[in-house]
PDB file of N, CA and C in Angstrom:
ATOM      1  N   MET A   1     -12.790  85.853   1.407  1.00  0.00           N
ATOM      2  CA  MET A   1     -13.980  85.087   1.699  1.00  0.00           C
ATOM      3  C   MET A   1     -13.577  83.753   2.316  1.00  0.00           C
ATOM      4  N   VAL A   2     -14.255  83.386   3.372  1.00  0.00           N
ATOM      5  CA  VAL A   2     -13.937  82.148   4.074  1.00  0.00           C
ATOM      6  C   VAL A   2     -14.838  81.033   3.549  1.00  0.00           C
ATOM      7  N   ALA A   3     -14.232  79.900   3.250  1.00  0.00           N
ATOM      8  CA  ALA A   3     -15.017  78.750   2.783  1.00  0.00           C
ATOM      9  C   ALA A   3     -15.754  78.132   3.969  1.00  0.00           C
ATOM     10  N   THR A   4     -17.002  77.755   3.741  1.00  0.00           N
ATOM     11  CA  THR A   4     -17.774  77.113   4.803  1.00  0.00           C
ATOM     12  C   THR A   4     -18.064  75.683   4.416  1.00  0.00           C
ATOM     13  N   LYS A   5     -18.219  74.862   5.408  1.00  0.00           N
ATOM     14  CA  LYS A   5     -18.540  73.462   5.164  1.00  0.00           C
ATOM     15  C   LYS A   5     -20.034  73.339   4.901  1.00  0.00           C
ATOM     16  N   ASN A   6     -20.432  72.367   4.091  1.00  0.00           N
ATOM     17  CA  ASN A   6     -21.838  72.161   3.787  1.00  0.00           C
ATOM     18  C   ASN A   6     -22.664  71.873   5.029  1.00  0.00           C
ATOM     19  N   LYS A   7     -22.075  71.193   5.999  1.00  0.00           N
ATOM     20  CA  LYS A   7     -22.848  70.860   7.202  1.00  0.00           C
ATOM     21  C   LYS A   7     -23.178  72.091   8.033  1.00  0.00           C
ATOM     22  N   ASP A   8     -22.476  73.212   7.809  1.00  0.00           N
ATOM     23  CA  ASP A   8     -22.733  74.439   8.546  1.00  0.00           C
ATOM     24  C   ASP A   8     -23.802  75.304   7.895  1.00  0.00           C
ATOM     25  N   LYS A   9     -24.182  75.011   6.667  1.00  0.00           N
ATOM     26  CA  LYS A   9     -25.184  75.801   5.977  1.00  0.00           C
ATOM     27  C   LYS A   9     -26.579  75.355   6.387  1.00  0.00           C
ATOM     28  N   PRO A  10     -27.500  76.323   6.503  1.00  0.00           N
ATOM     29  CA  PRO A  10     -28.876  75.928   6.821  1.00  0.00           C
ATOM     30  C   PRO A  10     -29.476  75.132   5.666  1.00  0.00           C
ATOM     31  N   SER A  11     -30.171  74.077   5.979  1.00  0.00           N
ATOM     32  CA  SER A  11     -30.747  73.202   4.976  1.00  0.00           C
ATOM     33  C   SER A  11     -32.219  73.543   4.764  1.00  0.00           C
ATOM     34  N   LEU A  12     -32.548  74.062   3.586  1.00  0.00           N
ATOM     35  CA  LEU A  12     -33.923  74.429   3.280  1.00  0.00           C
ATOM     36  C   LEU A  12     -34.835  73.216   3.354  1.00  0.00           C
ATOM     37  N   GLY A  13     -34.397  72.091   2.807  1.00  0.00           N
ATOM     38  CA  GLY A  13     -35.212  70.877   2.830  1.00  0.00           C
ATOM     39  C   GLY A  13     -35.555  70.435   4.237  1.00  0.00           C
ATOM     40  N   LYS A  14     -34.590  70.481   5.125  1.00  0.00           N
ATOM     41  CA  LYS A  14     -34.816  70.097   6.524  1.00  0.00           C
ATOM     42  C   LYS A  14     -35.824  71.035   7.174  1.00  0.00           C
ATOM     43  N   TRP A  15     -35.714  72.327   6.892  1.00  0.00           N
ATOM     44  CA  TRP A  15     -36.648  73.287   7.462  1.00  0.00           C
ATOM     45  C   TRP A  15     -38.060  73.058   6.943  1.00  0.00           C
ATOM     46  N   VAL A  16     -38.191  72.858   5.646  1.00  0.00           N
ATOM     47  CA  VAL A  16     -39.517  72.683   5.045  1.00  0.00           C
ATOM     48  C   VAL A  16     -40.152  71.368   5.486  1.00  0.00           C
ATOM     49  N   ASP A  17     -39.374  70.303   5.545  1.00  0.00           N
ATOM     50  CA  ASP A  17     -39.919  68.981   5.869  1.00  0.00           C
ATOM     51  C   ASP A  17     -40.118  68.733   7.356  1.00  0.00           C
ATOM     52  N   THR A  18     -39.274  69.313   8.185  1.00  0.00           N
ATOM     53  CA  THR A  18     -39.292  68.986   9.608  1.00  0.00           C
ATOM     54  C   THR A  18     -39.718  70.141  10.503  1.00  0.00           C
ATOM     55  N   HIS A  19     -39.023  71.247  10.410  1.00  0.00           N
ATOM     56  CA  HIS A  19     -39.217  72.330  11.371  1.00  0.00           C
ATOM     57  C   HIS A  19     -40.467  73.168  11.107  1.00  0.00           C
ATOM     58  N   LEU A  20     -40.755  73.495   9.859  1.00  0.00           N
ATOM     59  CA  LEU A  20     -41.944  74.305   9.580  1.00  0.00           C
ATOM     60  C   LEU A  20     -43.245  73.628   9.993  1.00  0.00           C
ATOM     61  N   PRO A  21     -43.424  72.331   9.734  1.00  0.00           N
ATOM     62  CA  PRO A  21     -44.658  71.694  10.218  1.00  0.00           C
ATOM     63  C   PRO A  21     -44.808  71.786  11.740  1.00  0.00           C
ATOM     64  N   MET A  22     -43.710  71.662  12.471  1.00  0.00           N
ATOM     65  CA  MET A  22     -43.779  71.791  13.931  1.00  0.00           C
ATOM     66  C   MET A  22     -44.174  73.213  14.324  1.00  0.00           C
ATOM     67  N   ILE A  23     -43.616  74.195  13.633  1.00  0.00           N
ATOM     68  CA  ILE A  23     -43.939  75.591  13.918  1.00  0.00           C
ATOM     69  C   ILE A  23     -45.403  75.860  13.613  1.00  0.00           C
ATOM     70  N   ARG A  24     -45.868  75.377  12.478  1.00  0.00           N
ATOM     71  CA  ARG A  24     -47.265  75.605  12.074  1.00  0.00           C
ATOM     72  C   ARG A  24     -48.254  74.930  13.019  1.00  0.00           C
ATOM     73  N   ASN A  25     -47.857  73.818  13.623  1.00  0.00           N
ATOM     74  CA  ASN A  25     -48.715  73.108  14.575  1.00  0.00           C
ATOM     75  C   ASN A  25     -48.559  73.619  15.994  1.00  0.00           C
ATOM     76  N   LYS A  26     -47.803  74.698  16.147  1.00  0.00           N
ATOM     77  CA  LYS A  26     -47.587  75.327  17.455  1.00  0.00           C
ATOM     78  C   LYS A  26     -46.990  74.357  18.476  1.00  0.00           C
ATOM     79  N   ALA A  27     -46.072  73.536  18.010  1.00  0.00           N
ATOM     80  CA  ALA A  27     -45.399  72.582  18.892  1.00  0.00           C
ATOM     81  C   ALA A  27     -44.480  73.333  19.858  1.00  0.00           C
ATOM     82  N   ASP A  28     -44.234  72.734  21.003  1.00  0.00           N
ATOM     83  CA  ASP A  28     -43.312  73.315  21.979  1.00  0.00           C
ATOM     84  C   ASP A  28     -41.886  73.027  21.523  1.00  0.00           C
ATOM     85  N   LEU A  29     -41.256  74.023  20.928  1.00  0.00           N
ATOM     86  CA  LEU A  29     -39.923  73.847  20.364  1.00  0.00           C
ATOM     87  C   LEU A  29     -38.817  74.172  21.355  1.00  0.00           C
ATOM     88  N   THR A  30     -39.172  74.605  22.552  1.00  0.00           N
ATOM     89  CA  THR A  30     -38.154  74.989  23.527  1.00  0.00           C
ATOM     90  C   THR A  30     -37.341  73.789  24.012  1.00  0.00           C
ATOM     91  N   LYS A  31     -37.900  72.577  23.883  1.00  0.00           N
ATOM     92  CA  LYS A  31     -37.201  71.379  24.343  1.00  0.00           C
ATOM     93  C   LYS A  31     -36.619  70.562  23.187  1.00  0.00           C
ATOM     94  N   SER A  32     -36.753  71.051  21.973  1.00  0.00           N
ATOM     95  CA  SER A  32     -36.293  70.315  20.809  1.00  0.00           C
ATOM     96  C   SER A  32     -34.835  70.652  20.495  1.00  0.00           C
ATOM     97  N   LYS A  33     -33.948  69.723  20.820  1.00  0.00           N
ATOM     98  CA  LYS A  33     -32.528  69.948  20.559  1.00  0.00           C
ATOM     99  C   LYS A  33     -32.246  70.099  19.056  1.00  0.00           C
ATOM    100  N   PRO A  34     -32.842  69.262  18.178  1.00  0.00           N
ATOM    101  CA  PRO A  34     -32.589  69.446  16.739  1.00  0.00           C
ATOM    102  C   PRO A  34     -33.031  70.829  16.243  1.00  0.00           C
ATOM    103  N   PHE A  35     -34.143  71.335  16.772  1.00  0.00           N
ATOM    104  CA  PHE A  35     -34.601  72.660  16.362  1.00  0.00           C
ATOM    105  C   PHE A  35     -33.633  73.740  16.826  1.00  0.00           C
ATOM    106  N   LYS A  36     -33.169  73.636  18.048  1.00  0.00           N
ATOM    107  CA  LYS A  36     -32.209  74.616  18.565  1.00  0.00           C
ATOM    108  C   LYS A  36     -30.915  74.606  17.752  1.00  0.00           C
ATOM    109  N   GLU A  37     -30.457  73.417  17.392  1.00  0.00           N
ATOM    110  CA  GLU A  37     -29.244  73.303  16.578  1.00  0.00           C
ATOM    111  C   GLU A  37     -29.459  73.927  15.201  1.00  0.00           C
ATOM    112  N   ALA A  38     -30.644  73.706  14.624  1.00  0.00           N
ATOM    113  CA  ALA A  38     -30.952  74.280  13.315  1.00  0.00           C
ATOM    114  C   ALA A  38     -30.985  75.812  13.395  1.00  0.00           C
ATOM    115  N   LEU A  39     -31.517  76.358  14.474  1.00  0.00           N
ATOM    116  CA  LEU A  39     -31.526  77.811  14.645  1.00  0.00           C
ATOM    117  C   LEU A  39     -30.114  78.372  14.727  1.00  0.00           C
ATOM    118  N   LYS A  40     -29.236  77.660  15.423  1.00  0.00           N
ATOM    119  CA  LYS A  40     -27.851  78.113  15.544  1.00  0.00           C
ATOM    120  C   LYS A  40     -27.150  78.155  14.198  1.00  0.00           C
ATOM    121  N   LYS A  41     -27.494  77.208  13.322  1.00  0.00           N
ATOM    122  CA  LYS A  41     -26.887  77.166  11.986  1.00  0.00           C
ATOM    123  C   LYS A  41     -27.468  78.234  11.072  1.00  0.00           C
ATOM    124  N   GLY A  42     -28.671  78.685  11.392  1.00  0.00           N
ATOM    125  CA  GLY A  42     -29.301  79.747  10.613  1.00  0.00           C
ATOM    126  C   GLY A  42     -30.574  79.281   9.949  1.00  0.00           C
ATOM    127  N   VAL A  43     -31.453  80.228   9.727  1.00  0.00           N
ATOM    128  CA  VAL A  43     -32.719  79.954   9.069  1.00  0.00           C
ATOM    129  C   VAL A  43     -32.574  80.373   7.608  1.00  0.00           C
ATOM    130  N   PRO A  44     -32.884  79.481   6.664  1.00  0.00           N
ATOM    131  CA  PRO A  44     -32.759  79.834   5.253  1.00  0.00           C
ATOM    132  C   PRO A  44     -33.627  81.046   4.898  1.00  0.00           C
ATOM    133  N   LEU A  45     -33.135  81.866   4.023  1.00  0.00           N
ATOM    134  CA  LEU A  45     -33.824  83.085   3.621  1.00  0.00           C
ATOM    135  C   LEU A  45     -35.242  82.817   3.131  1.00  0.00           C
ATOM    136  N   GLU A  46     -35.444  81.702   2.453  1.00  0.00           N
ATOM    137  CA  GLU A  46     -36.746  81.382   1.871  1.00  0.00           C
ATOM    138  C   GLU A  46     -37.852  81.182   2.909  1.00  0.00           C
ATOM    139  N   VAL A  47     -37.505  80.802   4.116  1.00  0.00           N
ATOM    140  CA  VAL A  47     -38.512  80.546   5.160  1.00  0.00           C
ATOM    141  C   VAL A  47     -38.336  81.446   6.374  1.00  0.00           C
ATOM    142  N   ARG A  48     -37.381  82.340   6.317  1.00  0.00           N
ATOM    143  CA  ARG A  48     -37.027  83.151   7.482  1.00  0.00           C
ATOM    144  C   ARG A  48     -38.194  83.986   8.014  1.00  0.00           C
ATOM    145  N   SER A  49     -38.944  84.630   7.135  1.00  0.00           N
ATOM    146  CA  SER A  49     -40.025  85.492   7.631  1.00  0.00           C
ATOM    147  C   SER A  49     -41.106  84.683   8.351  1.00  0.00           C
ATOM    148  N   GLU A  50     -41.452  83.521   7.821  1.00  0.00           N
ATOM    149  CA  GLU A  50     -42.467  82.686   8.471  1.00  0.00           C
ATOM    150  C   GLU A  50     -41.981  82.159   9.820  1.00  0.00           C
ATOM    151  N   VAL A  51     -40.732  81.749   9.867  1.00  0.00           N
ATOM    152  CA  VAL A  51     -40.172  81.204  11.106  1.00  0.00           C
ATOM    153  C   VAL A  51     -40.121  82.273  12.187  1.00  0.00           C
ATOM    154  N   TRP A  52     -39.551  83.424  11.879  1.00  0.00           N
ATOM    155  CA  TRP A  52     -39.410  84.444  12.908  1.00  0.00           C
ATOM    156  C   TRP A  52     -40.746  85.029  13.324  1.00  0.00           C
ATOM    157  N   GLU A  53     -41.678  85.168  12.393  1.00  0.00           N
ATOM    158  CA  GLU A  53     -43.003  85.653  12.759  1.00  0.00           C
ATOM    159  C   GLU A  53     -43.661  84.703  13.755  1.00  0.00           C
ATOM    160  N   ALA A  54     -43.514  83.410  13.530  1.00  0.00           N
ATOM    161  CA  ALA A  54     -44.104  82.419  14.431  1.00  0.00           C
ATOM    162  C   ALA A  54     -43.393  82.409  15.785  1.00  0.00           C
ATOM    163  N   LEU A  55     -42.089  82.589  15.794  1.00  0.00           N
ATOM    164  CA  LEU A  55     -41.341  82.515  17.047  1.00  0.00           C
ATOM    165  C   LEU A  55     -41.517  83.742  17.931  1.00  0.00           C
ATOM    166  N   ILE A  56     -41.600  84.921  17.332  1.00  0.00           N
ATOM    167  CA  ILE A  56     -41.710  86.125  18.154  1.00  0.00           C
ATOM    168  C   ILE A  56     -43.148  86.567  18.339  1.00  0.00           C
ATOM    169  N   GLY A  57     -44.050  85.989  17.563  1.00  0.00           N
ATOM    170  CA  GLY A  57     -45.457  86.371  17.665  1.00  0.00           C
ATOM    171  C   GLY A  57     -45.745  87.589  16.806  1.00  0.00           C
ATOM    172  N   ASN A  58     -46.952  87.683  16.333  1.00  0.00           N
ATOM    173  CA  ASN A  58     -47.337  88.818  15.509  1.00  0.00           C
ATOM    174  C   ASN A  58     -48.831  89.057  15.699  1.00  0.00           C
ATOM    175  N   GLU A  59     -49.228  89.284  16.929  1.00  0.00           N
ATOM    176  CA  GLU A  59     -50.633  89.468  17.240  1.00  0.00           C
ATOM    177  C   GLU A  59     -51.229  90.674  16.523  1.00  0.00           C
ATOM    178  N   LEU A  60     -50.420  91.687  16.249  1.00  0.00           N
ATOM    179  CA  LEU A  60     -50.907  92.904  15.596  1.00  0.00           C
ATOM    180  C   LEU A  60     -50.950  92.774  14.081  1.00  0.00           C
ATOM    181  N   ARG A  61     -50.491  91.624  13.563  1.00  0.00           N
ATOM    182  CA  ARG A  61     -50.475  91.351  12.113  1.00  0.00           C
ATOM    183  C   ARG A  61     -49.670  92.406  11.350  1.00  0.00           C
ATOM    184  N   ILE A  62     -48.525  92.793  11.894  1.00  0.00           N
ATOM    185  CA  ILE A  62     -47.651  93.756  11.247  1.00  0.00           C
ATOM    186  C   ILE A  62     -46.802  93.023  10.226  1.00  0.00           C
ATOM    187  N   ASN A  63     -46.777  93.525   9.008  1.00  0.00           N
ATOM    188  CA  ASN A  63     -45.959  92.902   7.950  1.00  0.00           C
ATOM    189  C   ASN A  63     -44.507  93.258   8.122  1.00  0.00           C
ATOM    190  N   ILE A  64     -43.680  92.284   7.804  1.00  0.00           N
ATOM    191  CA  ILE A  64     -42.234  92.495   7.927  1.00  0.00           C
ATOM    192  C   ILE A  64     -41.716  93.102   6.652  1.00  0.00           C
TER     193      ILE A  64
END
């Protein structure tokens, strides 16, 4: 098992406080460098379904 640095782990608090409100408000995240960096680090399991549903769209209301 490889040890990872804390800065490389996705931060649930950052997602809940910063990124989820932007997603819920349908903000244009394509130009947000902090959001892109957070995506590269990974989306925490606790918010992953909401984030990906919002990013890829779910017009048919299909449950994941």
